[in-house]
Amino acid sequence: MKNLSVIAAPVIFALLLGFFFMWEFCRVQVPAGHMAIVTAKTGRPLPAGEILAAPGEKGVRRDPLPEGRHFLNPVNHEWRIVPAVNIPVGKIGVVTSKVGKELPPGEILSADSSGKGIWKDVLGPGAYRLNPEVSPTARSASTPTSWTASARD
């Protein structure tokens, strides 16, 4: 019985220490109406011409984290919480993407959200998780709102 307590006490202590570390240092709490932009500190270098990282690559992650609780190792990741893009009723959002497939010669609008440039489809009222790391966001109160963001949301 004494041998069991000698083994169990350090195991329980290690589990509690691990839980404390995860809860205090690895927890990313994203509030409603916001998103987390994650930057990986480790991984493969980005391919030539890419500005957003896929899983396993070093750099700003392509997809922001949505609202909720997430756990990321602070040794391998940095994050910052930013507001989600909110388009009010009566306005539209025009997205200019800095990532994606190149447009064919002579084209000025991207046929879908997988191409670079101005998307042909506009965004209606609502909240969107568009990665602001691709380009800064520009807003105009008197005209339709314009956002520059990731090709994938």
Protein backbone atom coordinates (compact mmCIF):
# COMPACT_ATOMS: atom_id res chain seq x y z
CA MET A 1 0.00 0.00 0.00
CA LYS A 2 2.85 2.35 0.82
CA ASN A 3 4.48 1.57 -2.56
CA LEU A 4 1.28 2.57 -4.38
CA SER A 5 1.16 5.97 -2.67
CA VAL A 6 4.85 6.56 -3.45
CA ILE A 7 4.10 6.04 -7.16
CA ALA A 8 0.66 7.71 -7.25
CA ALA A 9 1.66 10.98 -5.55
CA PRO A 10 4.24 12.06 -8.20
CA VAL A 11 1.94 10.95 -11.03
CA ILE A 12 -0.96 13.00 -9.66
CA PHE A 13 1.37 15.96 -9.07
CA ALA A 14 2.66 15.76 -12.67
CA LEU A 15 -0.90 15.61 -14.03
CA LEU A 16 -1.95 18.64 -11.97
CA LEU A 17 1.17 20.53 -13.05
CA GLY A 18 0.45 19.69 -16.71
CA PHE A 19 -3.17 20.81 -16.38
CA PHE A 20 -2.07 24.08 -14.72
CA PHE A 21 0.46 24.75 -17.51
CA MET A 22 -2.12 24.05 -20.24
CA TRP A 23 -4.82 26.17 -18.60
CA GLU A 24 -2.66 29.15 -17.70
CA PHE A 25 -0.15 29.38 -20.55
CA CYS A 26 -1.62 27.52 -23.55
CA ARG A 27 -5.24 28.68 -23.38
CA VAL A 28 -6.40 31.11 -26.04
CA GLN A 29 -9.83 32.51 -25.21
CA VAL A 30 -11.33 34.22 -28.27
CA PRO A 31 -14.36 36.35 -27.31
CA ALA A 32 -17.51 36.62 -29.42
CA GLY A 33 -17.12 38.85 -32.47
CA HIS A 34 -13.35 38.33 -32.57
CA MET A 35 -10.78 35.96 -34.06
CA ALA A 36 -7.22 34.95 -33.25
CA ILE A 37 -4.45 35.44 -35.79
CA VAL A 38 -1.89 32.69 -35.15
CA THR A 39 1.78 32.83 -36.12
CA ALA A 40 3.74 29.58 -36.04
CA LYS A 41 7.30 30.06 -34.77
CA THR A 42 8.47 26.65 -35.98
CA GLY A 43 7.95 24.53 -39.07
CA ARG A 44 8.94 24.33 -42.70
CA PRO A 45 9.71 27.62 -44.46
CA LEU A 46 6.97 29.05 -46.66
CA PRO A 47 7.09 28.15 -50.36
CA ALA A 48 8.29 30.92 -52.68
CA GLY A 49 5.62 33.54 -53.29
CA GLU A 50 3.40 32.49 -50.37
CA ILE A 51 2.59 34.89 -47.53
CA LEU A 52 0.31 32.65 -45.43
CA ALA A 53 1.34 29.40 -43.76
CA ALA A 54 -0.44 26.08 -43.98
CA PRO A 55 -0.30 23.65 -41.02
CA GLY A 56 3.31 22.57 -40.46
CA GLU A 57 4.77 25.75 -41.98
CA LYS A 58 6.38 28.69 -40.20
CA GLY A 59 4.57 32.02 -40.43
CA VAL A 60 1.11 33.56 -40.15
CA ARG A 61 -1.53 30.83 -40.39
CA ARG A 62 -3.95 31.02 -43.30
CA ASP A 63 -7.08 30.42 -41.21
CA PRO A 64 -7.80 32.52 -38.10
CA LEU A 65 -9.16 30.79 -35.00
CA PRO A 66 -12.88 31.43 -34.42
CA GLU A 67 -14.61 32.37 -31.18
CA GLY A 68 -14.16 29.94 -28.32
CA ARG A 69 -11.43 28.30 -26.28
CA HIS A 70 -8.32 26.95 -28.02
CA PHE A 71 -5.06 25.53 -26.73
CA LEU A 72 -1.75 26.45 -28.39
CA ASN A 73 1.78 25.91 -27.13
CA PRO A 74 3.27 29.39 -26.52
CA VAL A 75 6.75 28.06 -27.33
CA ASN A 76 5.65 27.21 -30.90
CA HIS A 77 2.96 29.84 -31.54
CA GLU A 78 2.17 33.51 -31.06
CA TRP A 79 -1.35 34.88 -31.35
CA ARG A 80 -3.24 38.10 -31.19
CA ILE A 81 -6.96 38.70 -30.84
CA VAL A 82 -8.57 41.03 -33.41
CA PRO A 83 -12.19 41.94 -34.17
CA ALA A 84 -13.93 39.96 -36.89
CA VAL A 85 -14.96 41.89 -40.00
CA ASN A 86 -18.53 43.04 -39.41
CA ILE A 87 -20.57 44.35 -42.33
CA PRO A 88 -23.61 46.32 -41.14
CA VAL A 89 -27.06 46.10 -42.71
CA GLY A 90 -27.28 48.31 -45.78
CA LYS A 91 -23.60 47.91 -46.66
CA ILE A 92 -21.60 45.43 -48.71
CA GLY A 93 -18.03 44.21 -48.39
CA VAL A 94 -15.64 44.14 -51.33
CA VAL A 95 -12.68 41.82 -50.82
CA THR A 96 -9.30 42.38 -52.47
CA SER A 97 -7.24 39.25 -51.94
CA LYS A 98 -3.44 39.23 -51.93
CA VAL A 99 -3.28 35.41 -52.07
CA GLY A 100 -4.57 32.76 -54.44
CA LYS A 101 -4.36 31.94 -58.12
CA GLU A 102 -3.12 34.64 -60.47
CA LEU A 103 -5.80 36.16 -62.69
CA PRO A 104 -5.68 35.33 -66.40
CA PRO A 105 -4.35 38.16 -68.61
CA GLY A 106 -6.99 40.81 -69.23
CA GLU A 107 -9.13 39.86 -66.22
CA ILE A 108 -9.68 42.41 -63.45
CA LEU A 109 -12.05 40.45 -61.19
CA SER A 110 -11.48 37.07 -59.61
CA ALA A 111 -14.28 34.68 -60.59
CA ASP A 112 -14.31 33.11 -57.11
CA SER A 113 -12.66 33.36 -53.71
CA SER A 114 -9.65 31.25 -54.75
CA GLY A 115 -8.05 33.96 -56.92
CA LYS A 116 -5.93 37.03 -56.28
CA GLY A 117 -7.41 40.47 -56.74
CA ILE A 118 -10.92 41.79 -56.30
CA TRP A 119 -13.53 39.10 -55.79
CA LYS A 120 -16.48 39.30 -58.18
CA ASP A 121 -18.88 38.28 -55.39
CA VAL A 122 -19.44 40.83 -52.63
CA LEU A 123 -20.01 40.09 -48.95
CA GLY A 124 -23.45 40.79 -47.52
CA PRO A 125 -24.25 41.95 -44.00
CA GLY A 126 -22.80 39.75 -41.26
CA ALA A 127 -19.57 38.79 -39.51
CA TYR A 128 -16.63 37.30 -41.43
CA ARG A 129 -13.28 35.90 -40.31
CA LEU A 130 -11.07 37.37 -43.03
CA ASN A 131 -7.36 37.26 -42.23
CA PRO A 132 -6.20 40.89 -41.79
CA GLU A 133 -2.53 39.87 -42.05
CA VAL A 134 -2.82 39.69 -45.82
CA SER A 135 -3.35 43.44 -46.10
CA PRO A 136 -4.72 46.26 -43.95
CA THR A 137 -8.45 46.82 -43.76
CA ALA A 138 -9.93 49.94 -45.35
CA ARG A 139 -13.39 51.18 -44.40
CA SER A 140 -15.59 53.94 -45.74
CA ALA A 141 -18.79 55.03 -44.00
CA SER A 142 -20.39 56.83 -46.96
CA THR A 143 -19.77 54.15 -49.60
CA PRO A 144 -19.79 50.34 -49.61
CA THR A 145 -17.16 49.04 -47.20
CA SER A 146 -13.99 47.55 -48.67
CA TRP A 147 -11.83 44.90 -47.01
CA THR A 148 -8.59 43.36 -48.11
CA ALA A 149 -8.28 39.83 -46.78
CA SER A 150 -7.32 36.22 -47.27
CA ALA A 151 -8.59 34.27 -50.24
CA ARG A 152 -9.94 31.65 -47.84
CA ASP A 153 -12.18 32.50 -44.91
